[in-house]
C-alpha atoms as a PDB file:
ATOM      1  CA  UNK A   1      67.184 -23.970 -55.726  1.00  0.00           C
ATOM      2  CA  UNK A   2      67.085 -20.284 -54.388  1.00  0.00           C
ATOM      3  CA  UNK A   3      65.601 -17.674 -56.353  1.00  0.00           C
ATOM      4  CA  UNK A   4      67.285 -14.170 -56.568  1.00  0.00           C
ATOM      5  CA  UNK A   5      65.381 -11.543 -54.674  1.00  0.00           C
ATOM      6  CA  UNK A   6      63.890  -8.745 -56.790  1.00  0.00           C
ATOM      7  CA  UNK A   7      65.526  -5.557 -56.503  1.00  0.00           C
ATOM      8  CA  UNK A   8      63.182  -2.495 -55.350  1.00  0.00           C
ATOM      9  CA  UNK A   9      63.474   0.923 -56.053  1.00  0.00           C
ATOM     10  CA  UNK A  10      61.859   4.129 -54.552  1.00  0.00           C
ATOM     11  CA  UNK A  11      59.486   6.035 -56.692  1.00  0.00           C
ATOM     12  CA  UNK A  12      62.249   8.757 -57.206  1.00  0.00           C
ATOM     13  CA  UNK A  13      64.491   6.004 -58.534  1.00  0.00           C
ATOM     14  CA  UNK A  14      61.975   4.700 -60.741  1.00  0.00           C
ATOM     15  CA  UNK A  15      61.147   8.204 -62.285  1.00  0.00           C
ATOM     16  CA  UNK A  16      64.957   8.574 -63.162  1.00  0.00           C
ATOM     17  CA  UNK A  17      65.154   5.162 -64.625  1.00  0.00           C
ATOM     18  CA  UNK A  18      62.038   5.638 -66.842  1.00  0.00           C
ATOM     19  CA  UNK A  19      63.233   9.240 -67.665  1.00  0.00           C
ATOM     20  CA  UNK A  20      59.984  10.973 -66.767  1.00  0.00           C
ATOM     21  CA  UNK A  21      58.983  13.424 -64.012  1.00  0.00           C
ATOM     22  CA  UNK A  22      57.150  13.183 -60.611  1.00  0.00           C
ATOM     23  CA  UNK A  23      53.875  14.094 -61.928  1.00  0.00           C
ATOM     24  CA  UNK A  24      53.800  11.898 -65.178  1.00  0.00           C
ATOM     25  CA  UNK A  25      55.060   9.027 -63.105  1.00  0.00           C
ATOM     26  CA  UNK A  26      52.228   9.176 -60.414  1.00  0.00           C
ATOM     27  CA  UNK A  27      49.794   9.729 -63.419  1.00  0.00           C
ATOM     28  CA  UNK A  28      50.826   6.342 -65.261  1.00  0.00           C
ATOM     29  CA  UNK A  29      50.600   4.536 -61.939  1.00  0.00           C
ATOM     30  CA  UNK A  30      46.909   5.881 -61.495  1.00  0.00           C
ATOM     31  CA  UNK A  31      45.953   5.740 -64.979  1.00  0.00           C
ATOM     32  CA  UNK A  32      47.539   2.688 -66.951  1.00  0.00           C
ATOM     33  CA  UNK A  33      46.648  -0.679 -65.847  1.00  0.00           C
ATOM     34  CA  UNK A  34      49.612  -2.227 -67.259  1.00  0.00           C
ATOM     35  CA  UNK A  35      51.970  -0.138 -65.309  1.00  0.00           C
ATOM     36  CA  UNK A  36      53.808  -2.012 -62.377  1.00  0.00           C
ATOM     37  CA  UNK A  37      51.779  -1.431 -59.132  1.00  0.00           C
ATOM     38  CA  UNK A  38      53.545   0.169 -56.103  1.00  0.00           C
ATOM     39  CA  UNK A  39      54.270  -1.927 -52.967  1.00  0.00           C
ATOM     40  CA  UNK A  40      53.678  -0.360 -49.813  1.00  0.00           C
ATOM     41  CA  UNK A  41      56.201  -1.225 -47.132  1.00  0.00           C
ATOM     42  CA  UNK A  42      54.875   1.224 -44.553  1.00  0.00           C
ATOM     43  CA  UNK A  43      52.878   4.434 -44.059  1.00  0.00           C
ATOM     44  CA  UNK A  44      55.643   6.576 -45.976  1.00  0.00           C
ATOM     45  CA  UNK A  45      57.549   3.959 -47.652  1.00  0.00           C
ATOM     46  CA  UNK A  46      56.688   2.885 -51.186  1.00  0.00           C
ATOM     47  CA  UNK A  47      58.900   0.857 -53.713  1.00  0.00           C
ATOM     48  CA  UNK A  48      58.699  -0.874 -57.176  1.00  0.00           C
ATOM     49  CA  UNK A  49      60.110  -3.854 -58.339  1.00  0.00           C
ATOM     50  CA  UNK A  50      62.853  -3.137 -60.770  1.00  0.00           C
ATOM     51  CA  UNK A  51      62.375  -6.171 -62.865  1.00  0.00           C
ATOM     52  CA  UNK A  52      58.853  -5.217 -63.428  1.00  0.00           C
ATOM     53  CA  UNK A  53      59.817  -1.757 -64.359  1.00  0.00           C
ATOM     54  CA  UNK A  54      62.492  -2.925 -66.893  1.00  0.00           C
ATOM     55  CA  UNK A  55      59.810  -5.316 -68.321  1.00  0.00           C
ATOM     56  CA  UNK A  56      57.381  -2.783 -68.659  1.00  0.00           C
ATOM     57  CA  UNK A  57      59.606  -0.436 -70.398  1.00  0.00           C
ATOM     58  CA  UNK A  58      60.965  -3.162 -72.713  1.00  0.00           C
ATOM     59  CA  UNK A  59      57.149  -3.727 -73.716  1.00  0.00           C
ATOM     60  CA  UNK A  60      56.428  -0.091 -74.455  1.00  0.00           C
ATOM     61  CA  UNK A  61      59.408  -0.144 -76.995  1.00  0.00           C
ATOM     62  CA  UNK A  62      58.136  -3.176 -78.517  1.00  0.00           C
ATOM     63  CA  UNK A  63      54.703  -1.651 -79.005  1.00  0.00           C
ATOM     64  CA  UNK A  64      56.397   1.427 -80.463  1.00  0.00           C
ATOM     65  CA  UNK A  65      58.293  -0.623 -83.028  1.00  0.00           C
ATOM     66  CA  UNK A  66      55.390  -2.709 -83.892  1.00  0.00           C
ATOM     67  CA  UNK A  67      56.916  -5.857 -82.570  1.00  0.00           C
ATOM     68  CA  UNK A  68      54.383  -8.519 -81.146  1.00  0.00           C
ATOM     69  CA  UNK A  69      54.825 -11.866 -79.560  1.00  0.00           C
END
């Protein structure tokens, strides 16, 4: 059984997806322990797994709505 590879996005794409600016995005990376971790592919290439960003965003919406699992 083959697993589908996770799609990776660059920080600017992740910022757009979450609807936040560059400063807020990097602050969340630094200060929120539950925020998805960046993956360094090279000295100047950083990506985030899109499925992790989606899961994190959805979890934040559940917290605001008062839904718990």
